[in-house]
C-alpha cells in the first residue's frame, strides 16, 4: 500500500468515526469529503465515489444531486 493510499484510508476512516455513517453528513459536509477524496483520485468523481462507498454506502442519486453537472452513468 502506498503512502497516498494510507493517507486516503486515514482520511476516510477519520470522517467515518466522526459521523458514524456518510448518510449522517449534510450535503456540504459530504461535498467537502468527496472533494478531499478527489485530490487522491486525480479529480475522478467516480473513483472517489467508489472509494467512499467501500466504507459506507452513499446513494448515487445523492451524489448526483450534489454534482449535477457531472453525469453519473450508473
PDB file of N, CA and C in Angstrom:
ATOM      1  N   UNK A   1       0.847  -1.175   0.000  1.00  0.00           N
ATOM      2  CA  UNK A   1       0.000   0.000   0.000  1.00  0.00           C
ATOM      3  C   UNK A   1       0.896   1.243   0.000  1.00  0.00           C
ATOM      4  N   UNK A   2       0.599   2.159  -0.876  1.00  0.00           N
ATOM      5  CA  UNK A   2       1.411   3.365  -0.986  1.00  0.00           C
ATOM      6  C   UNK A   2       1.059   4.359   0.126  1.00  0.00           C
ATOM      7  N   UNK A   3       1.908   5.345   0.275  1.00  0.00           N
ATOM      8  CA  UNK A   3       1.670   6.385   1.282  1.00  0.00           C
ATOM      9  C   UNK A   3       0.350   7.106   1.002  1.00  0.00           C
ATOM     10  N   UNK A   4       0.077   7.416  -0.275  1.00  0.00           N
ATOM     11  CA  UNK A   4      -1.168   8.103  -0.633  1.00  0.00           C
ATOM     12  C   UNK A   4      -2.389   7.253  -0.282  1.00  0.00           C
ATOM     13  N   UNK A   5      -2.301   5.953  -0.515  1.00  0.00           N
ATOM     14  CA  UNK A   5      -3.417   5.069  -0.183  1.00  0.00           C
ATOM     15  C   UNK A   5      -3.654   5.025   1.323  1.00  0.00           C
ATOM     16  N   UNK A   6      -2.569   4.991   2.081  1.00  0.00           N
ATOM     17  CA  UNK A   6      -2.687   5.004   3.540  1.00  0.00           C
ATOM     18  C   UNK A   6      -3.283   6.321   4.031  1.00  0.00           C
ATOM     19  N   UNK A   7      -2.840   7.405   3.426  1.00  0.00           N
ATOM     20  CA  UNK A   7      -3.347   8.730   3.789  1.00  0.00           C
ATOM     21  C   UNK A   7      -4.840   8.850   3.462  1.00  0.00           C
ATOM     22  N   UNK A   8      -5.226   8.340   2.295  1.00  0.00           N
ATOM     23  CA  UNK A   8      -6.630   8.368   1.887  1.00  0.00           C
ATOM     24  C   UNK A   8      -7.474   7.526   2.839  1.00  0.00           C
ATOM     25  N   UNK A   9      -7.005   6.343   3.177  1.00  0.00           N
ATOM     26  CA  UNK A   9      -7.732   5.481   4.105  1.00  0.00           C
ATOM     27  C   UNK A   9      -7.902   6.160   5.466  1.00  0.00           C
ATOM     28  N   UNK A  10      -6.856   6.809   5.946  1.00  0.00           N
ATOM     29  CA  UNK A  10      -6.933   7.518   7.229  1.00  0.00           C
ATOM     30  C   UNK A  10      -7.951   8.657   7.158  1.00  0.00           C
ATOM     31  N   UNK A  11      -7.960   9.393   6.066  1.00  0.00           N
ATOM     32  CA  UNK A  11      -8.913  10.493   5.877  1.00  0.00           C
ATOM     33  C   UNK A  11     -10.345   9.977   5.925  1.00  0.00           C
ATOM     34  N   UNK A  12     -10.609   8.906   5.212  1.00  0.00           N
ATOM     35  CA  UNK A  12     -11.963   8.347   5.153  1.00  0.00           C
ATOM     36  C   UNK A  12     -12.370   7.804   6.526  1.00  0.00           C
ATOM     37  N   UNK A  13     -11.482   7.060   7.157  1.00  0.00           N
ATOM     38  CA  UNK A  13     -11.816   6.477   8.458  1.00  0.00           C
ATOM     39  C   UNK A  13     -12.032   7.547   9.526  1.00  0.00           C
ATOM     40  N   UNK A  14     -11.248   8.603   9.481  1.00  0.00           N
ATOM     41  CA  UNK A  14     -11.427   9.694  10.437  1.00  0.00           C
ATOM     42  C   UNK A  14     -12.804  10.334  10.283  1.00  0.00           C
ATOM     43  N   UNK A  15     -13.194  10.571   9.046  1.00  0.00           N
ATOM     44  CA  UNK A  15     -14.519  11.148   8.796  1.00  0.00           C
ATOM     45  C   UNK A  15     -15.622  10.198   9.217  1.00  0.00           C
ATOM     46  N   UNK A  16     -15.422   8.930   8.968  1.00  0.00           N
ATOM     47  CA  UNK A  16     -16.422   7.940   9.335  1.00  0.00           C
ATOM     48  C   UNK A  16     -16.552   7.813  10.850  1.00  0.00           C
ATOM     49  N   UNK A  17     -15.456   7.919  11.557  1.00  0.00           N
ATOM     50  CA  UNK A  17     -15.508   7.890  13.024  1.00  0.00           C
ATOM     51  C   UNK A  17     -16.315   9.064  13.568  1.00  0.00           C
ATOM     52  N   UNK A  18     -16.178  10.210  12.933  1.00  0.00           N
ATOM     53  CA  UNK A  18     -16.875  11.416  13.392  1.00  0.00           C
ATOM     54  C   UNK A  18     -18.371  11.381  13.101  1.00  0.00           C
ATOM     55  N   UNK A  19     -18.757  10.773  11.973  1.00  0.00           N
ATOM     56  CA  UNK A  19     -20.168  10.815  11.584  1.00  0.00           C
ATOM     57  C   UNK A  19     -20.872   9.469  11.690  1.00  0.00           C
ATOM     58  N   UNK A  20     -20.117   8.391  11.899  1.00  0.00           N
ATOM     59  CA  UNK A  20     -20.633   7.016  12.017  1.00  0.00           C
ATOM     60  C   UNK A  20     -21.134   6.433  10.707  1.00  0.00           C
ATOM     61  N   UNK A  21     -21.669   7.245   9.826  1.00  0.00           N
ATOM     62  CA  UNK A  21     -22.229   6.794   8.559  1.00  0.00           C
ATOM     63  C   UNK A  21     -22.271   8.022   7.641  1.00  0.00           C
ATOM     64  N   UNK A  22     -21.871   7.857   6.389  1.00  0.00           N
ATOM     65  CA  UNK A  22     -21.836   9.012   5.494  1.00  0.00           C
ATOM     66  C   UNK A  22     -23.228   9.594   5.249  1.00  0.00           C
ATOM     67  N   UNK A  23     -24.277   8.811   5.472  1.00  0.00           N
ATOM     68  CA  UNK A  23     -25.637   9.345   5.354  1.00  0.00           C
ATOM     69  C   UNK A  23     -25.930  10.402   6.410  1.00  0.00           C
ATOM     70  N   UNK A  24     -25.146  10.403   7.481  1.00  0.00           N
ATOM     71  CA  UNK A  24     -25.343  11.392   8.551  1.00  0.00           C
ATOM     72  C   UNK A  24     -24.734  12.751   8.204  1.00  0.00           C
ATOM     73  N   UNK A  25     -23.968  12.817   7.139  1.00  0.00           N
ATOM     74  CA  UNK A  25     -23.369  14.092   6.717  1.00  0.00           C
ATOM     75  C   UNK A  25     -24.396  14.914   5.962  1.00  0.00           C
ATOM     76  N   UNK A  26     -24.379  16.224   6.184  1.00  0.00           N
ATOM     77  CA  UNK A  26     -25.233  17.066   5.346  1.00  0.00           C
ATOM     78  C   UNK A  26     -24.542  17.227   3.993  1.00  0.00           C
ATOM     79  N   UNK A  27     -25.223  17.832   3.044  1.00  0.00           N
ATOM     80  CA  UNK A  27     -24.688  17.925   1.680  1.00  0.00           C
ATOM     81  C   UNK A  27     -23.353  18.655   1.622  1.00  0.00           C
ATOM     82  N   UNK A  28     -23.218  19.705   2.404  1.00  0.00           N
ATOM     83  CA  UNK A  28     -21.968  20.473   2.393  1.00  0.00           C
ATOM     84  C   UNK A  28     -20.807  19.635   2.941  1.00  0.00           C
ATOM     85  N   UNK A  29     -21.067  18.897   4.006  1.00  0.00           N
ATOM     86  CA  UNK A  29     -20.022  18.046   4.586  1.00  0.00           C
ATOM     87  C   UNK A  29     -19.644  16.912   3.629  1.00  0.00           C
ATOM     88  N   UNK A  30     -20.648  16.325   2.970  1.00  0.00           N
ATOM     89  CA  UNK A  30     -20.375  15.261   2.004  1.00  0.00           C
ATOM     90  C   UNK A  30     -19.587  15.811   0.818  1.00  0.00           C
ATOM     91  N   UNK A  31     -19.967  16.990   0.347  1.00  0.00           N
ATOM     92  CA  UNK A  31     -19.245  17.631  -0.755  1.00  0.00           C
ATOM     93  C   UNK A  31     -17.779  17.839  -0.374  1.00  0.00           C
ATOM     94  N   UNK A  32     -17.538  18.354   0.818  1.00  0.00           N
ATOM     95  CA  UNK A  32     -16.168  18.590   1.292  1.00  0.00           C
ATOM     96  C   UNK A  32     -15.382  17.288   1.350  1.00  0.00           C
ATOM     97  N   UNK A  33     -16.014  16.230   1.841  1.00  0.00           N
ATOM     98  CA  UNK A  33     -15.350  14.928   1.921  1.00  0.00           C
ATOM     99  C   UNK A  33     -15.032  14.393   0.525  1.00  0.00           C
ATOM    100  N   UNK A  34     -15.986  14.458  -0.371  1.00  0.00           N
ATOM    101  CA  UNK A  34     -15.763  13.969  -1.741  1.00  0.00           C
ATOM    102  C   UNK A  34     -14.634  14.758  -2.405  1.00  0.00           C
ATOM    103  N   UNK A  35     -14.637  16.064  -2.209  1.00  0.00           N
ATOM    104  CA  UNK A  35     -13.566  16.884  -2.792  1.00  0.00           C
ATOM    105  C   UNK A  35     -12.209  16.494  -2.219  1.00  0.00           C
ATOM    106  N   UNK A  36     -12.149  16.180  -0.940  1.00  0.00           N
ATOM    107  CA  UNK A  36     -10.891  15.749  -0.322  1.00  0.00           C
ATOM    108  C   UNK A  36     -10.425  14.431  -0.921  1.00  0.00           C
ATOM    109  N   UNK A  37     -11.355  13.510  -1.121  1.00  0.00           N
ATOM    110  CA  UNK A  37     -11.006  12.215  -1.710  1.00  0.00           C
ATOM    111  C   UNK A  37     -10.609  12.384  -3.173  1.00  0.00           C
ATOM    112  N   UNK A  38     -11.263  13.288  -3.875  1.00  0.00           N
ATOM    113  CA  UNK A  38     -10.920  13.523  -5.297  1.00  0.00           C
ATOM    114  C   UNK A  38      -9.474  13.963  -5.470  1.00  0.00           C
ATOM    115  N   UNK A  39      -8.905  14.602  -4.460  1.00  0.00           N
ATOM    116  CA  UNK A  39      -7.500  15.002  -4.542  1.00  0.00           C
ATOM    117  C   UNK A  39      -6.585  13.784  -4.680  1.00  0.00           C
ATOM    118  N   UNK A  40      -7.044  12.642  -4.174  1.00  0.00           N
ATOM    119  CA  UNK A  40      -6.262  11.407  -4.252  1.00  0.00           C
ATOM    120  C   UNK A  40      -6.610  10.577  -5.483  1.00  0.00           C
ATOM    121  N   UNK A  41      -7.652  10.957  -6.207  1.00  0.00           N
ATOM    122  CA  UNK A  41      -8.090  10.190  -7.372  1.00  0.00           C
ATOM    123  C   UNK A  41      -7.951  10.997  -8.661  1.00  0.00           C
ATOM    124  N   UNK A  42      -7.051  11.932  -8.657  1.00  0.00           N
ATOM    125  CA  UNK A  42      -6.814  12.793  -9.828  1.00  0.00           C
ATOM    126  C   UNK A  42      -8.097  13.476 -10.303  1.00  0.00           C
ATOM    127  N   UNK A  43      -8.959  13.827  -9.351  1.00  0.00           N
ATOM    128  CA  UNK A  43     -10.183  14.545  -9.678  1.00  0.00           C
ATOM    129  C   UNK A  43     -11.315  13.674 -10.194  1.00  0.00           C
ATOM    130  N   UNK A  44     -11.133  12.364 -10.209  1.00  0.00           N
ATOM    131  CA  UNK A  44     -12.127  11.440 -10.748  1.00  0.00           C
ATOM    132  C   UNK A  44     -13.258  11.226  -9.739  1.00  0.00           C
ATOM    133  N   UNK A  45     -14.448  11.741 -10.046  1.00  0.00           N
ATOM    134  CA  UNK A  45     -15.585  11.650  -9.145  1.00  0.00           C
ATOM    135  C   UNK A  45     -16.043  10.209  -8.971  1.00  0.00           C
ATOM    136  N   UNK A  46     -16.012   9.420 -10.041  1.00  0.00           N
ATOM    137  CA  UNK A  46     -16.442   8.025  -9.964  1.00  0.00           C
ATOM    138  C   UNK A  46     -15.531   7.230  -9.033  1.00  0.00           C
ATOM    139  N   UNK A  47     -14.249   7.426  -9.159  1.00  0.00           N
ATOM    140  CA  UNK A  47     -13.301   6.717  -8.301  1.00  0.00           C
ATOM    141  C   UNK A  47     -13.435   7.174  -6.845  1.00  0.00           C
ATOM    142  N   UNK A  48     -13.655   8.463  -6.640  1.00  0.00           N
ATOM    143  CA  UNK A  48     -13.863   8.975  -5.286  1.00  0.00           C
ATOM    144  C   UNK A  48     -15.116   8.344  -4.681  1.00  0.00           C
ATOM    145  N   UNK A  49     -16.173   8.259  -5.482  1.00  0.00           N
ATOM    146  CA  UNK A  49     -17.417   7.620  -5.026  1.00  0.00           C
ATOM    147  C   UNK A  49     -17.153   6.167  -4.626  1.00  0.00           C
ATOM    148  N   UNK A  50     -16.438   5.431  -5.473  1.00  0.00           N
ATOM    149  CA  UNK A  50     -16.152   4.021  -5.186  1.00  0.00           C
ATOM    150  C   UNK A  50     -15.320   3.871  -3.910  1.00  0.00           C
ATOM    151  N   UNK A  51     -14.352   4.740  -3.729  1.00  0.00           N
ATOM    152  CA  UNK A  51     -13.524   4.693  -2.517  1.00  0.00           C
ATOM    153  C   UNK A  51     -14.383   4.881  -1.268  1.00  0.00           C
ATOM    154  N   UNK A  52     -15.233   5.888  -1.282  1.00  0.00           N
ATOM    155  CA  UNK A  52     -16.076   6.176  -0.124  1.00  0.00           C
ATOM    156  C   UNK A  52     -17.114   5.084   0.099  1.00  0.00           C
ATOM    157  N   UNK A  53     -17.655   4.581  -0.984  1.00  0.00           N
ATOM    158  CA  UNK A  53     -18.707   3.582  -0.908  1.00  0.00           C
ATOM    159  C   UNK A  53     -18.207   2.265  -0.295  1.00  0.00           C
ATOM    160  N   UNK A  54     -16.917   2.024  -0.343  1.00  0.00           N
ATOM    161  CA  UNK A  54     -16.342   0.828   0.271  1.00  0.00           C
ATOM    162  C   UNK A  54     -16.476   0.867   1.793  1.00  0.00           C
ATOM    163  N   UNK A  55     -16.531   2.040   2.354  1.00  0.00           N
ATOM    164  CA  UNK A  55     -16.570   2.208   3.809  1.00  0.00           C
ATOM    165  C   UNK A  55     -17.985   2.394   4.337  1.00  0.00           C
ATOM    166  N   UNK A  56     -18.809   3.097   3.585  1.00  0.00           N
ATOM    167  CA  UNK A  56     -20.186   3.352   3.984  1.00  0.00           C
ATOM    168  C   UNK A  56     -20.984   3.698   2.728  1.00  0.00           C
ATOM    169  N   UNK A  57     -22.086   3.011   2.502  1.00  0.00           N
ATOM    170  CA  UNK A  57     -22.857   3.258   1.273  1.00  0.00           C
ATOM    171  C   UNK A  57     -23.315   4.706   1.136  1.00  0.00           C
ATOM    172  N   UNK A  58     -23.198   5.197  -0.079  1.00  0.00           N
ATOM    173  CA  UNK A  58     -23.677   6.544  -0.411  1.00  0.00           C
ATOM    174  C   UNK A  58     -24.570   6.392  -1.641  1.00  0.00           C
ATOM    175  N   UNK A  59     -25.713   7.002  -1.604  1.00  0.00           N
ATOM    176  CA  UNK A  59     -26.634   6.940  -2.732  1.00  0.00           C
ATOM    177  C   UNK A  59     -26.049   7.693  -3.931  1.00  0.00           C
ATOM    178  N   UNK A  60     -26.073   7.037  -5.090  1.00  0.00           N
ATOM    179  CA  UNK A  60     -25.612   7.705  -6.322  1.00  0.00           C
ATOM    180  C   UNK A  60     -26.486   8.921  -6.612  1.00  0.00           C
ATOM    181  N   UNK A  61     -27.784   8.796  -6.308  1.00  0.00           N
ATOM    182  CA  UNK A  61     -28.692   9.918  -6.543  1.00  0.00           C
ATOM    183  C   UNK A  61     -28.286  11.126  -5.701  1.00  0.00           C
ATOM    184  N   UNK A  62     -27.921  10.866  -4.457  1.00  0.00           N
ATOM    185  CA  UNK A  62     -27.497  11.974  -3.592  1.00  0.00           C
ATOM    186  C   UNK A  62     -26.243  12.631  -4.140  1.00  0.00           C
ATOM    187  N   UNK A  63     -25.305  11.834  -4.601  1.00  0.00           N
ATOM    188  CA  UNK A  63     -24.082  12.388  -5.172  1.00  0.00           C
ATOM    189  C   UNK A  63     -24.387  13.167  -6.452  1.00  0.00           C
ATOM    190  N   UNK A  64     -25.303  12.644  -7.265  1.00  0.00           N
ATOM    191  CA  UNK A  64     -25.701  13.346  -8.488  1.00  0.00           C
ATOM    192  C   UNK A  64     -26.385  14.668  -8.162  1.00  0.00           C
ATOM    193  N   UNK A  65     -27.115  14.721  -7.043  1.00  0.00           N
ATOM    194  CA  UNK A  65     -27.751  15.974  -6.630  1.00  0.00           C
ATOM    195  C   UNK A  65     -26.706  17.008  -6.215  1.00  0.00           C
ATOM    196  N   UNK A  66     -25.619  16.536  -5.626  1.00  0.00           N
ATOM    197  CA  UNK A  66     -24.557  17.444  -5.191  1.00  0.00           C
ATOM    198  C   UNK A  66     -23.706  17.896  -6.376  1.00  0.00           C
ATOM    199  N   UNK A  67     -23.527  17.002  -7.348  1.00  0.00           N
ATOM    200  CA  UNK A  67     -22.733  17.279  -8.552  1.00  0.00           C
ATOM    201  C   UNK A  67     -23.617  17.176  -9.789  1.00  0.00           C
ATOM    202  N   UNK A  68     -24.551  18.100  -9.970  1.00  0.00           N
ATOM    203  CA  UNK A  68     -25.490  17.974 -11.099  1.00  0.00           C
ATOM    204  C   UNK A  68     -24.829  18.111 -12.465  1.00  0.00           C
ATOM    205  N   UNK A  69     -23.675  18.753 -12.524  1.00  0.00           N
ATOM    206  CA  UNK A  69     -23.006  18.964 -13.803  1.00  0.00           C
ATOM    207  C   UNK A  69     -22.163  17.755 -14.223  1.00  0.00           C
ATOM    208  N   UNK A  70     -22.046  16.761 -13.358  1.00  0.00           N
ATOM    209  CA  UNK A  70     -21.247  15.583 -13.669  1.00  0.00           C
ATOM    210  C   UNK A  70     -22.212  14.419 -13.874  1.00  0.00           C
ATOM    211  N   UNK A  71     -22.149  13.825 -15.048  1.00  0.00           N
ATOM    212  CA  UNK A  71     -23.036  12.711 -15.363  1.00  0.00           C
ATOM    213  C   UNK A  71     -22.518  11.450 -14.688  1.00  0.00           C
ATOM    214  N   UNK A  72     -23.334  10.867 -13.840  1.00  0.00           N
ATOM    215  CA  UNK A  72     -23.004   9.588 -13.211  1.00  0.00           C
ATOM    216  C   UNK A  72     -23.789   8.531 -13.969  1.00  0.00           C
ATOM    217  N   UNK A  73     -23.083   7.672 -14.649  1.00  0.00           N
ATOM    218  CA  UNK A  73     -23.706   6.736 -15.585  1.00  0.00           C
ATOM    219  C   UNK A  73     -24.405   5.547 -14.952  1.00  0.00           C
ATOM    220  N   UNK A  74     -24.282   5.355 -13.654  1.00  0.00           N
ATOM    221  CA  UNK A  74     -24.864   4.150 -13.062  1.00  0.00           C
ATOM    222  C   UNK A  74     -25.978   4.474 -12.114  1.00  0.00           C
TER     223      UNK A  74
END
